[in-house]
Amino acid sequence: MWKAVVKDMDSTRQMIKKQKQRKARILLVVAVLLSSTLIIALVMLAIILANYGRDQKLYSEARALAIMTAEPMQTPVSAPISATVTVSPVPKETPPIMVDFASVQKEGLNVLAWLYSADTLINYPVVIYGDNSHYLTHDYTGSHSSSGALFFDYRLSKQLDGQNLIIYGHHMKNRSMFGSLLQYQKQDYYDEHPTMYLLTQEKNYRIELFAAQFTDSEQKQFPVWFESDQKRQAFVQMAIADSTFQASDITYHTEDQIISLVTCAYSNYIKDAKFIVYGWLIEIG
């Protein structure tokens, strides 16, 4: 009987030993998996940060290559007082920057314009292509990029003669590209940044922002042309009614083009949400 008890105790010890060994192996496997996951995550983070750094460097070089400081606006010299009353000419408005398109187009053949917003990170070339997906993963030079590029809707011509010029850009977490657009949810941000500038080889424009809204990705939200002026007015009125800020001037511009700046947004209420900032293109200079 004593031998049987000893035998049972040995069996129990062996079983406990095996259980401990099994647990140790499981813990080792879990530790290896966690370590591998952490290493992969760190590598992915390093790649993302490296790509961010590369993209920032690329666009910084583009600005250094293309941007020239605009000449100060000249104030007309008052004429001497005389019996004849003369009217001084009104000085032309000049944009805050000038762009050397010949230089920047050597690096990016599809560059059509330059978008600039003072005191923000929006200061980029704008390209165009035959679809709306290529520049989601390519920078303005055509190289692969996680930040992509700012690009016009492919339905626009290179003459940019649409009634609504649509520009798309990624919503980057570091606020590069169109990452700062969602700041237009706040009235005080609009009050500080009510205008932007769009520069092209032929013309320069001041963008008078008039609305911003969340919307879905349905095609009807992104018209390039309108069937009638009534449809155009209805589009503008709807944007103003849903706007996240109240513009200082909501005058309807019959002749001026609309510009829509579009980026991805995240909403619990709208599937595949987009955030759009609207403005009027006012030709200057």
C-alpha atoms as a PDB file:
ATOM      1  CA  MET A   1       0.000   0.000   0.000  1.00  0.00           C
ATOM      2  CA  TRP A   2       2.813   2.407   0.888  1.00  0.00           C
ATOM      3  CA  LYS A   3       4.439   1.744  -2.472  1.00  0.00           C
ATOM      4  CA  ALA A   4       1.164   2.602  -4.212  1.00  0.00           C
ATOM      5  CA  VAL A   5       0.950   5.909  -2.297  1.00  0.00           C
ATOM      6  CA  VAL A   6       4.538   6.772  -3.226  1.00  0.00           C
ATOM      7  CA  LYS A   7       3.811   5.893  -6.824  1.00  0.00           C
ATOM      8  CA  ASP A   8       0.748   8.157  -6.843  1.00  0.00           C
ATOM      9  CA  MET A   9       2.805  10.999  -5.326  1.00  0.00           C
ATOM     10  CA  ASP A  10       5.459  10.577  -8.020  1.00  0.00           C
ATOM     11  CA  SER A  11       2.777  10.652 -10.698  1.00  0.00           C
ATOM     12  CA  THR A  12       1.330  13.808  -9.193  1.00  0.00           C
ATOM     13  CA  ARG A  13       4.766  15.448  -9.102  1.00  0.00           C
ATOM     14  CA  GLN A  14       5.357  14.506 -12.736  1.00  0.00           C
ATOM     15  CA  MET A  15       1.980  15.887 -13.728  1.00  0.00           C
ATOM     16  CA  ILE A  16       2.621  19.154 -11.873  1.00  0.00           C
ATOM     17  CA  LYS A  17       6.061  19.376 -13.438  1.00  0.00           C
ATOM     18  CA  LYS A  18       4.631  18.876 -16.925  1.00  0.00           C
ATOM     19  CA  GLN A  19       1.940  21.495 -16.276  1.00  0.00           C
ATOM     20  CA  LYS A  20       4.602  23.977 -15.157  1.00  0.00           C
ATOM     21  CA  GLN A  21       6.693  23.183 -18.221  1.00  0.00           C
ATOM     22  CA  ARG A  22       3.636  23.619 -20.459  1.00  0.00           C
ATOM     23  CA  LYS A  23       2.817  26.977 -18.824  1.00  0.00           C
ATOM     24  CA  ALA A  24       6.438  28.062 -19.203  1.00  0.00           C
ATOM     25  CA  ARG A  25       6.351  27.193 -22.899  1.00  0.00           C
ATOM     26  CA  ILE A  26       3.078  29.057 -23.343  1.00  0.00           C
ATOM     27  CA  LEU A  27       4.451  32.112 -21.534  1.00  0.00           C
ATOM     28  CA  LEU A  28       7.581  31.952 -23.680  1.00  0.00           C
ATOM     29  CA  VAL A  29       5.499  31.806 -26.876  1.00  0.00           C
ATOM     30  CA  VAL A  30       3.340  34.710 -25.668  1.00  0.00           C
ATOM     31  CA  ALA A  31       6.441  36.732 -24.774  1.00  0.00           C
ATOM     32  CA  VAL A  32       7.962  36.049 -28.206  1.00  0.00           C
ATOM     33  CA  LEU A  33       4.722  37.025 -29.943  1.00  0.00           C
ATOM     34  CA  LEU A  34       4.415  40.213 -27.896  1.00  0.00           C
ATOM     35  CA  SER A  35       8.040  41.084 -28.542  1.00  0.00           C
ATOM     36  CA  SER A  36       7.602  40.424 -32.260  1.00  0.00           C
ATOM     37  CA  THR A  37       4.439  42.541 -32.339  1.00  0.00           C
ATOM     38  CA  LEU A  38       6.207  45.359 -30.514  1.00  0.00           C
ATOM     39  CA  ILE A  39       9.185  45.166 -32.860  1.00  0.00           C
ATOM     40  CA  ILE A  40       6.901  45.199 -35.905  1.00  0.00           C
ATOM     41  CA  ALA A  41       4.970  48.155 -34.476  1.00  0.00           C
ATOM     42  CA  LEU A  42       8.198  50.052 -33.791  1.00  0.00           C
ATOM     43  CA  VAL A  43       9.478  49.295 -37.283  1.00  0.00           C
ATOM     44  CA  MET A  44       6.177  50.465 -38.822  1.00  0.00           C
ATOM     45  CA  LEU A  45       6.265  53.625 -36.700  1.00  0.00           C
ATOM     46  CA  ALA A  46       9.846  54.266 -37.779  1.00  0.00           C
ATOM     47  CA  ILE A  47       8.841  53.815 -41.435  1.00  0.00           C
ATOM     48  CA  ILE A  48       5.881  56.177 -41.035  1.00  0.00           C
ATOM     49  CA  LEU A  49       8.017  58.822 -39.321  1.00  0.00           C
ATOM     50  CA  ALA A  50      10.699  58.406 -41.973  1.00  0.00           C
ATOM     51  CA  ASN A  51       8.098  58.856 -44.708  1.00  0.00           C
ATOM     52  CA  TYR A  52       6.713  61.937 -42.946  1.00  0.00           C
ATOM     53  CA  GLY A  53      10.200  63.357 -42.716  1.00  0.00           C
ATOM     54  CA  ARG A  54      10.909  62.593 -46.364  1.00  0.00           C
ATOM     55  CA  ASP A  55       7.631  64.189 -47.497  1.00  0.00           C
ATOM     56  CA  GLN A  56       8.189  67.286 -45.372  1.00  0.00           C
ATOM     57  CA  LYS A  57      11.708  67.634 -46.760  1.00  0.00           C
ATOM     58  CA  LEU A  58      10.459  67.196 -50.339  1.00  0.00           C
ATOM     59  CA  TYR A  59       7.822  69.905 -50.039  1.00  0.00           C
ATOM     60  CA  SER A  60      10.177  72.205 -48.168  1.00  0.00           C
ATOM     61  CA  GLU A  61      12.563  71.875 -51.105  1.00  0.00           C
ATOM     62  CA  ALA A  62       9.680  72.566 -53.484  1.00  0.00           C
ATOM     63  CA  ARG A  63       8.912  75.801 -51.646  1.00  0.00           C
ATOM     64  CA  ALA A  64      12.558  76.830 -51.685  1.00  0.00           C
ATOM     65  CA  LEU A  65      12.679  76.076 -55.407  1.00  0.00           C
ATOM     66  CA  ALA A  66       9.446  77.750 -56.440  1.00  0.00           C
ATOM     67  CA  ILE A  67       8.455  80.531 -54.067  1.00  0.00           C
ATOM     68  CA  MET A  68       9.616  84.072 -54.508  1.00  0.00           C
ATOM     69  CA  THR A  69       8.658  86.862 -52.127  1.00  0.00           C
ATOM     70  CA  ALA A  70       6.061  89.101 -53.684  1.00  0.00           C
ATOM     71  CA  GLU A  71       7.053  92.686 -54.292  1.00  0.00           C
ATOM     72  CA  PRO A  72       5.392  95.121 -51.899  1.00  0.00           C
ATOM     73  CA  MET A  73       2.235  96.707 -53.194  1.00  0.00           C
ATOM     74  CA  GLN A  74       3.089 100.124 -54.594  1.00  0.00           C
ATOM     75  CA  THR A  75       1.162 103.062 -53.194  1.00  0.00           C
ATOM     76  CA  PRO A  76       0.537 105.739 -55.810  1.00  0.00           C
ATOM     77  CA  VAL A  77       2.235 109.080 -55.181  1.00  0.00           C
ATOM     78  CA  SER A  78      -0.320 111.836 -54.659  1.00  0.00           C
ATOM     79  CA  ALA A  79      -0.394 114.430 -57.420  1.00  0.00           C
ATOM     80  CA  PRO A  80       0.307 118.100 -56.527  1.00  0.00           C
ATOM     81  CA  ILE A  81      -2.750 120.157 -55.677  1.00  0.00           C
ATOM     82  CA  SER A  82      -3.976 122.039 -58.717  1.00  0.00           C
ATOM     83  CA  ALA A  83      -7.099 123.409 -60.173  1.00  0.00           C
ATOM     84  CA  THR A  84      -7.596 120.147 -62.057  1.00  0.00           C
ATOM     85  CA  VAL A  85      -8.811 117.268 -59.884  1.00  0.00           C
ATOM     86  CA  THR A  86      -7.072 113.997 -60.727  1.00  0.00           C
ATOM     87  CA  VAL A  87      -7.970 110.506 -59.553  1.00  0.00           C
ATOM     88  CA  SER A  88      -5.092 108.323 -58.385  1.00  0.00           C
ATOM     89  CA  PRO A  89      -5.157 104.787 -59.816  1.00  0.00           C
ATOM     90  CA  VAL A  90      -6.167 102.039 -57.413  1.00  0.00           C
ATOM     91  CA  PRO A  91      -3.157  99.772 -56.798  1.00  0.00           C
ATOM     92  CA  LYS A  92      -3.545  96.179 -57.890  1.00  0.00           C
ATOM     93  CA  GLU A  93      -3.668  93.585 -55.136  1.00  0.00           C
ATOM     94  CA  THR A  94      -0.732  91.200 -55.210  1.00  0.00           C
ATOM     95  CA  PRO A  95      -0.583  87.761 -53.593  1.00  0.00           C
ATOM     96  CA  PRO A  96       1.701  87.327 -50.577  1.00  0.00           C
ATOM     97  CA  ILE A  97       3.946  84.925 -52.541  1.00  0.00           C
ATOM     98  CA  MET A  98       4.991  84.507 -56.154  1.00  0.00           C
ATOM     99  CA  VAL A  99       5.671  81.105 -57.727  1.00  0.00           C
ATOM    100  CA  ASP A 100       8.264  80.189 -60.326  1.00  0.00           C
ATOM    101  CA  PHE A 101       6.207  77.543 -62.125  1.00  0.00           C
ATOM    102  CA  ALA A 102       8.924  76.811 -64.682  1.00  0.00           C
ATOM    103  CA  SER A 103      11.196  75.590 -61.873  1.00  0.00           C
ATOM    104  CA  VAL A 104       8.627  73.538 -59.986  1.00  0.00           C
ATOM    105  CA  GLN A 105       7.290  71.926 -63.180  1.00  0.00           C
ATOM    106  CA  LYS A 106      10.752  70.524 -63.901  1.00  0.00           C
ATOM    107  CA  GLU A 107      10.228  68.366 -60.818  1.00  0.00           C
ATOM    108  CA  GLY A 108       6.500  67.757 -61.253  1.00  0.00           C
ATOM    109  CA  LEU A 109       5.168  67.867 -64.811  1.00  0.00           C
ATOM    110  CA  ASN A 110       1.526  67.795 -63.662  1.00  0.00           C
ATOM    111  CA  VAL A 111       1.720  70.891 -61.438  1.00  0.00           C
ATOM    112  CA  LEU A 112      -1.023  73.353 -62.435  1.00  0.00           C
ATOM    113  CA  ALA A 113      -1.278  75.670 -59.447  1.00  0.00           C
ATOM    114  CA  TRP A 114      -0.056  76.553 -55.966  1.00  0.00           C
ATOM    115  CA  LEU A 115      -2.303  76.761 -52.891  1.00  0.00           C
ATOM    116  CA  TYR A 116      -1.245  79.012 -50.018  1.00  0.00           C
ATOM    117  CA  SER A 117      -2.775  79.852 -46.645  1.00  0.00           C
ATOM    118  CA  ALA A 118      -0.880  82.288 -44.446  1.00  0.00           C
ATOM    119  CA  ASP A 119       0.271  81.083 -41.003  1.00  0.00           C
ATOM    120  CA  THR A 120      -0.675  77.459 -41.754  1.00  0.00           C
ATOM    121  CA  LEU A 121       1.057  74.433 -43.288  1.00  0.00           C
ATOM    122  CA  ILE A 122      -1.009  74.765 -46.480  1.00  0.00           C
ATOM    123  CA  ASN A 123       1.669  75.880 -48.928  1.00  0.00           C
ATOM    124  CA  TYR A 124       1.800  73.301 -51.707  1.00  0.00           C
ATOM    125  CA  PRO A 125       1.826  72.709 -55.447  1.00  0.00           C
ATOM    126  CA  VAL A 126      -1.441  71.349 -56.832  1.00  0.00           C
ATOM    127  CA  VAL A 127      -1.355  68.690 -59.542  1.00  0.00           C
ATOM    128  CA  ILE A 128      -3.850  67.038 -61.907  1.00  0.00           C
ATOM    129  CA  TYR A 129      -4.055  63.509 -63.326  1.00  0.00           C
ATOM    130  CA  GLY A 130      -6.414  61.239 -65.236  1.00  0.00           C
ATOM    131  CA  ASP A 131      -8.010  59.823 -62.075  1.00  0.00           C
ATOM    132  CA  ASN A 132      -8.597  60.715 -58.440  1.00  0.00           C
ATOM    133  CA  SER A 133      -6.507  57.907 -56.945  1.00  0.00           C
ATOM    134  CA  HIS A 134      -2.966  58.265 -58.326  1.00  0.00           C
ATOM    135  CA  TYR A 135      -1.920  61.215 -56.173  1.00  0.00           C
ATOM    136  CA  LEU A 136      -3.329  59.663 -53.020  1.00  0.00           C
ATOM    137  CA  THR A 137      -0.145  57.576 -52.947  1.00  0.00           C
ATOM    138  CA  HIS A 138       2.278  59.708 -54.977  1.00  0.00           C
ATOM    139  CA  ASP A 139       3.860  63.082 -54.278  1.00  0.00           C
ATOM    140  CA  TYR A 140       3.869  65.905 -56.793  1.00  0.00           C
ATOM    141  CA  THR A 141       7.007  64.515 -58.477  1.00  0.00           C
ATOM    142  CA  GLY A 142       5.332  61.144 -59.083  1.00  0.00           C
ATOM    143  CA  SER A 143       7.240  59.190 -56.417  1.00  0.00           C
ATOM    144  CA  HIS A 144       5.411  56.930 -53.968  1.00  0.00           C
ATOM    145  CA  SER A 145       4.408  58.792 -50.832  1.00  0.00           C
ATOM    146  CA  SER A 146       2.152  58.198 -47.817  1.00  0.00           C
ATOM    147  CA  SER A 147       1.293  61.914 -47.742  1.00  0.00           C
ATOM    148  CA  GLY A 148       0.399  62.037 -51.436  1.00  0.00           C
ATOM    149  CA  ALA A 149      -0.171  65.437 -53.035  1.00  0.00           C
ATOM    150  CA  LEU A 150      -2.854  68.076 -53.336  1.00  0.00           C
ATOM    151  CA  PHE A 151      -4.654  67.388 -56.613  1.00  0.00           C
ATOM    152  CA  PHE A 152      -7.503  68.733 -58.711  1.00  0.00           C
ATOM    153  CA  ASP A 153     -10.514  66.589 -59.583  1.00  0.00           C
ATOM    154  CA  TYR A 154      -9.715  64.688 -62.788  1.00  0.00           C
ATOM    155  CA  ARG A 155     -12.904  66.013 -64.457  1.00  0.00           C
ATOM    156  CA  LEU A 156     -11.396  69.491 -64.607  1.00  0.00           C
ATOM    157  CA  SER A 157      -9.422  70.512 -67.661  1.00  0.00           C
ATOM    158  CA  LYS A 158      -5.894  71.881 -67.450  1.00  0.00           C
ATOM    159  CA  GLN A 159      -7.420  75.316 -68.113  1.00  0.00           C
ATOM    160  CA  LEU A 160      -9.332  74.965 -64.800  1.00  0.00           C
ATOM    161  CA  ASP A 161     -12.482  76.279 -66.418  1.00  0.00           C
ATOM    162  CA  GLY A 162     -15.005  74.391 -64.246  1.00  0.00           C
ATOM    163  CA  GLN A 163     -17.586  76.211 -62.160  1.00  0.00           C
ATOM    164  CA  ASN A 164     -16.383  74.388 -59.046  1.00  0.00           C
ATOM    165  CA  LEU A 165     -12.648  73.721 -58.748  1.00  0.00           C
ATOM    166  CA  ILE A 166     -12.237  70.730 -56.437  1.00  0.00           C
ATOM    167  CA  ILE A 167      -8.913  70.036 -54.716  1.00  0.00           C
ATOM    168  CA  TYR A 168      -8.358  66.871 -52.657  1.00  0.00           C
ATOM    169  CA  GLY A 169      -5.712  66.245 -50.008  1.00  0.00           C
ATOM    170  CA  HIS A 170      -4.971  63.840 -47.164  1.00  0.00           C
ATOM    171  CA  HIS A 171      -5.909  64.684 -43.585  1.00  0.00           C
ATOM    172  CA  MET A 172      -2.468  64.133 -42.018  1.00  0.00           C
ATOM    173  CA  LYS A 173      -2.198  63.930 -38.240  1.00  0.00           C
ATOM    174  CA  ASN A 174       0.742  66.339 -38.191  1.00  0.00           C
ATOM    175  CA  ARG A 175      -1.536  68.867 -39.982  1.00  0.00           C
ATOM    176  CA  SER A 176       0.484  68.760 -43.180  1.00  0.00           C
ATOM    177  CA  MET A 177      -1.334  68.598 -46.533  1.00  0.00           C
ATOM    178  CA  PHE A 178      -5.020  69.211 -45.651  1.00  0.00           C
ATOM    179  CA  GLY A 179      -4.616  68.207 -42.006  1.00  0.00           C
ATOM    180  CA  SER A 180      -5.461  71.730 -40.829  1.00  0.00           C
ATOM    181  CA  LEU A 181      -8.738  72.036 -42.757  1.00  0.00           C
ATOM    182  CA  LEU A 182     -10.778  70.514 -39.950  1.00  0.00           C
ATOM    183  CA  GLN A 183      -9.798  73.501 -37.816  1.00  0.00           C
ATOM    184  CA  TYR A 184     -12.528  75.305 -39.770  1.00  0.00           C
ATOM    185  CA  GLN A 185     -15.002  73.613 -37.455  1.00  0.00           C
ATOM    186  CA  LYS A 186     -14.153  76.485 -35.099  1.00  0.00           C
ATOM    187  CA  GLN A 187     -15.354  80.024 -35.654  1.00  0.00           C
ATOM    188  CA  ASP A 188     -12.223  81.616 -34.197  1.00  0.00           C
ATOM    189  CA  TYR A 189     -10.028  79.670 -36.632  1.00  0.00           C
ATOM    190  CA  TYR A 190     -12.038  80.997 -39.566  1.00  0.00           C
ATOM    191  CA  ASP A 191     -11.837  84.515 -38.105  1.00  0.00           C
ATOM    192  CA  GLU A 192      -8.030  84.204 -38.123  1.00  0.00           C
ATOM    193  CA  HIS A 193      -7.828  82.524 -41.576  1.00  0.00           C
ATOM    194  CA  PRO A 194     -10.736  83.794 -43.730  1.00  0.00           C
ATOM    195  CA  THR A 195      -8.738  83.773 -46.982  1.00  0.00           C
ATOM    196  CA  MET A 196      -6.313  81.649 -48.965  1.00  0.00           C
ATOM    197  CA  TYR A 197      -4.588  82.110 -52.336  1.00  0.00           C
ATOM    198  CA  LEU A 198      -4.533  80.016 -55.505  1.00  0.00           C
ATOM    199  CA  LEU A 199      -1.791  80.906 -57.958  1.00  0.00           C
ATOM    200  CA  THR A 200      -1.501  79.665 -61.542  1.00  0.00           C
ATOM    201  CA  GLN A 201       0.778  80.498 -64.442  1.00  0.00           C
ATOM    202  CA  GLU A 202      -1.870  82.692 -66.020  1.00  0.00           C
ATOM    203  CA  LYS A 203      -3.806  84.152 -63.096  1.00  0.00           C
ATOM    204  CA  ASN A 204      -3.708  84.696 -59.347  1.00  0.00           C
ATOM    205  CA  TYR A 205      -6.724  84.388 -57.059  1.00  0.00           C
ATOM    206  CA  ARG A 206      -7.671  85.320 -53.541  1.00  0.00           C
ATOM    207  CA  ILE A 207      -9.973  82.696 -52.029  1.00  0.00           C
ATOM    208  CA  GLU A 208     -12.749  84.213 -49.930  1.00  0.00           C
ATOM    209  CA  LEU A 209     -13.937  81.342 -47.738  1.00  0.00           C
ATOM    210  CA  PHE A 210     -17.689  81.241 -47.191  1.00  0.00           C
ATOM    211  CA  ALA A 211     -18.566  77.819 -45.697  1.00  0.00           C
ATOM    212  CA  ALA A 212     -17.318  74.465 -44.419  1.00  0.00           C
ATOM    213  CA  GLN A 213     -19.259  71.273 -43.815  1.00  0.00           C
ATOM    214  CA  PHE A 214     -19.163  67.528 -43.203  1.00  0.00           C
ATOM    215  CA  THR A 215     -20.676  65.426 -45.959  1.00  0.00           C
ATOM    216  CA  ASP A 216     -20.655  61.929 -47.408  1.00  0.00           C
ATOM    217  CA  SER A 217     -18.772  60.773 -50.484  1.00  0.00           C
ATOM    218  CA  GLU A 218     -21.698  60.664 -52.903  1.00  0.00           C
ATOM    219  CA  GLN A 219     -20.869  62.117 -56.314  1.00  0.00           C
ATOM    220  CA  LYS A 220     -23.642  64.704 -56.082  1.00  0.00           C
ATOM    221  CA  GLN A 221     -21.656  66.436 -53.355  1.00  0.00           C
ATOM    222  CA  PHE A 222     -18.805  67.136 -55.780  1.00  0.00           C
ATOM    223  CA  PRO A 223     -20.134  68.800 -58.948  1.00  0.00           C
ATOM    224  CA  VAL A 224     -17.639  70.425 -61.301  1.00  0.00           C
ATOM    225  CA  TRP A 225     -20.386  71.939 -63.444  1.00  0.00           C
ATOM    226  CA  PHE A 226     -23.982  72.870 -62.560  1.00  0.00           C
ATOM    227  CA  GLU A 227     -27.017  72.292 -64.758  1.00  0.00           C
ATOM    228  CA  SER A 228     -28.272  75.815 -64.102  1.00  0.00           C
ATOM    229  CA  ASP A 229     -27.551  78.872 -62.006  1.00  0.00           C
ATOM    230  CA  GLN A 230     -30.483  77.865 -59.794  1.00  0.00           C
ATOM    231  CA  LYS A 231     -28.709  74.562 -59.025  1.00  0.00           C
ATOM    232  CA  ARG A 232     -25.509  76.507 -58.340  1.00  0.00           C
ATOM    233  CA  GLN A 233     -27.278  78.881 -55.954  1.00  0.00           C
ATOM    234  CA  ALA A 234     -28.958  75.969 -54.173  1.00  0.00           C
ATOM    235  CA  PHE A 235     -25.548  74.268 -53.768  1.00  0.00           C
ATOM    236  CA  VAL A 236     -24.048  77.419 -52.227  1.00  0.00           C
ATOM    237  CA  GLN A 237     -27.040  78.074 -49.975  1.00  0.00           C
ATOM    238  CA  MET A 238     -26.966  74.497 -48.670  1.00  0.00           C
ATOM    239  CA  ALA A 239     -23.250  74.773 -47.897  1.00  0.00           C
ATOM    240  CA  ILE A 240     -23.808  78.040 -46.010  1.00  0.00           C
ATOM    241  CA  ALA A 241     -26.790  76.616 -44.102  1.00  0.00           C
ATOM    242  CA  ASP A 242     -24.731  73.605 -42.946  1.00  0.00           C
ATOM    243  CA  SER A 243     -21.503  75.539 -42.373  1.00  0.00           C
ATOM    244  CA  THR A 244     -19.451  74.985 -39.246  1.00  0.00           C
ATOM    245  CA  PHE A 245     -18.559  78.697 -39.192  1.00  0.00           C
ATOM    246  CA  GLN A 246     -20.345  81.901 -40.110  1.00  0.00           C
ATOM    247  CA  ALA A 247     -18.545  83.823 -42.833  1.00  0.00           C
ATOM    248  CA  SER A 248     -18.138  87.568 -42.534  1.00  0.00           C
ATOM    249  CA  ASP A 249     -19.510  87.986 -46.067  1.00  0.00           C
ATOM    250  CA  ILE A 250     -21.980  85.552 -47.644  1.00  0.00           C
ATOM    251  CA  THR A 251     -22.587  87.534 -50.818  1.00  0.00           C
ATOM    252  CA  TYR A 252     -23.465  85.285 -53.754  1.00  0.00           C
ATOM    253  CA  HIS A 253     -20.897  85.730 -56.549  1.00  0.00           C
ATOM    254  CA  THR A 254     -22.565  85.305 -59.913  1.00  0.00           C
ATOM    255  CA  GLU A 255     -19.406  85.357 -62.035  1.00  0.00           C
ATOM    256  CA  ASP A 256     -16.685  83.963 -59.760  1.00  0.00           C
ATOM    257  CA  GLN A 257     -15.748  80.288 -59.616  1.00  0.00           C
ATOM    258  CA  ILE A 258     -16.280  78.204 -56.493  1.00  0.00           C
ATOM    259  CA  ILE A 259     -13.377  76.264 -55.018  1.00  0.00           C
ATOM    260  CA  SER A 260     -13.921  73.209 -52.793  1.00  0.00           C
ATOM    261  CA  LEU A 261     -11.084  71.893 -50.607  1.00  0.00           C
ATOM    262  CA  VAL A 262     -11.839  68.278 -49.667  1.00  0.00           C
ATOM    263  CA  THR A 263     -10.263  65.965 -47.104  1.00  0.00           C
ATOM    264  CA  CYS A 264     -11.208  62.814 -45.194  1.00  0.00           C
ATOM    265  CA  ALA A 265     -12.983  63.174 -41.874  1.00  0.00           C
ATOM    266  CA  TYR A 266     -14.102  60.799 -39.140  1.00  0.00           C
ATOM    267  CA  SER A 267     -17.711  60.914 -38.050  1.00  0.00           C
ATOM    268  CA  ASN A 268     -19.969  58.612 -36.044  1.00  0.00           C
ATOM    269  CA  TYR A 269     -22.922  59.820 -38.085  1.00  0.00           C
ATOM    270  CA  ILE A 270     -21.671  59.891 -41.702  1.00  0.00           C
ATOM    271  CA  LYS A 271     -20.245  56.879 -43.517  1.00  0.00           C
ATOM    272  CA  ASP A 272     -17.000  57.614 -45.387  1.00  0.00           C
ATOM    273  CA  ALA A 273     -17.247  61.238 -44.259  1.00  0.00           C
ATOM    274  CA  LYS A 274     -15.521  64.141 -45.977  1.00  0.00           C
ATOM    275  CA  PHE A 275     -14.901  67.677 -44.750  1.00  0.00           C
ATOM    276  CA  ILE A 276     -15.134  70.428 -47.364  1.00  0.00           C
ATOM    277  CA  VAL A 277     -14.109  74.065 -47.128  1.00  0.00           C
ATOM    278  CA  TYR A 278     -15.681  76.312 -49.787  1.00  0.00           C
ATOM    279  CA  GLY A 279     -14.539  79.635 -51.165  1.00  0.00           C
ATOM    280  CA  TRP A 280     -14.978  82.129 -54.002  1.00  0.00           C
ATOM    281  CA  LEU A 281     -12.092  82.588 -56.428  1.00  0.00           C
ATOM    282  CA  ILE A 282     -11.469  86.336 -56.765  1.00  0.00           C
ATOM    283  CA  GLU A 283      -8.971  87.174 -59.512  1.00  0.00           C
ATOM    284  CA  ILE A 284      -6.278  89.606 -58.384  1.00  0.00           C
ATOM    285  CA  GLY A 285      -3.106  91.206 -59.708  1.00  0.00           C
END
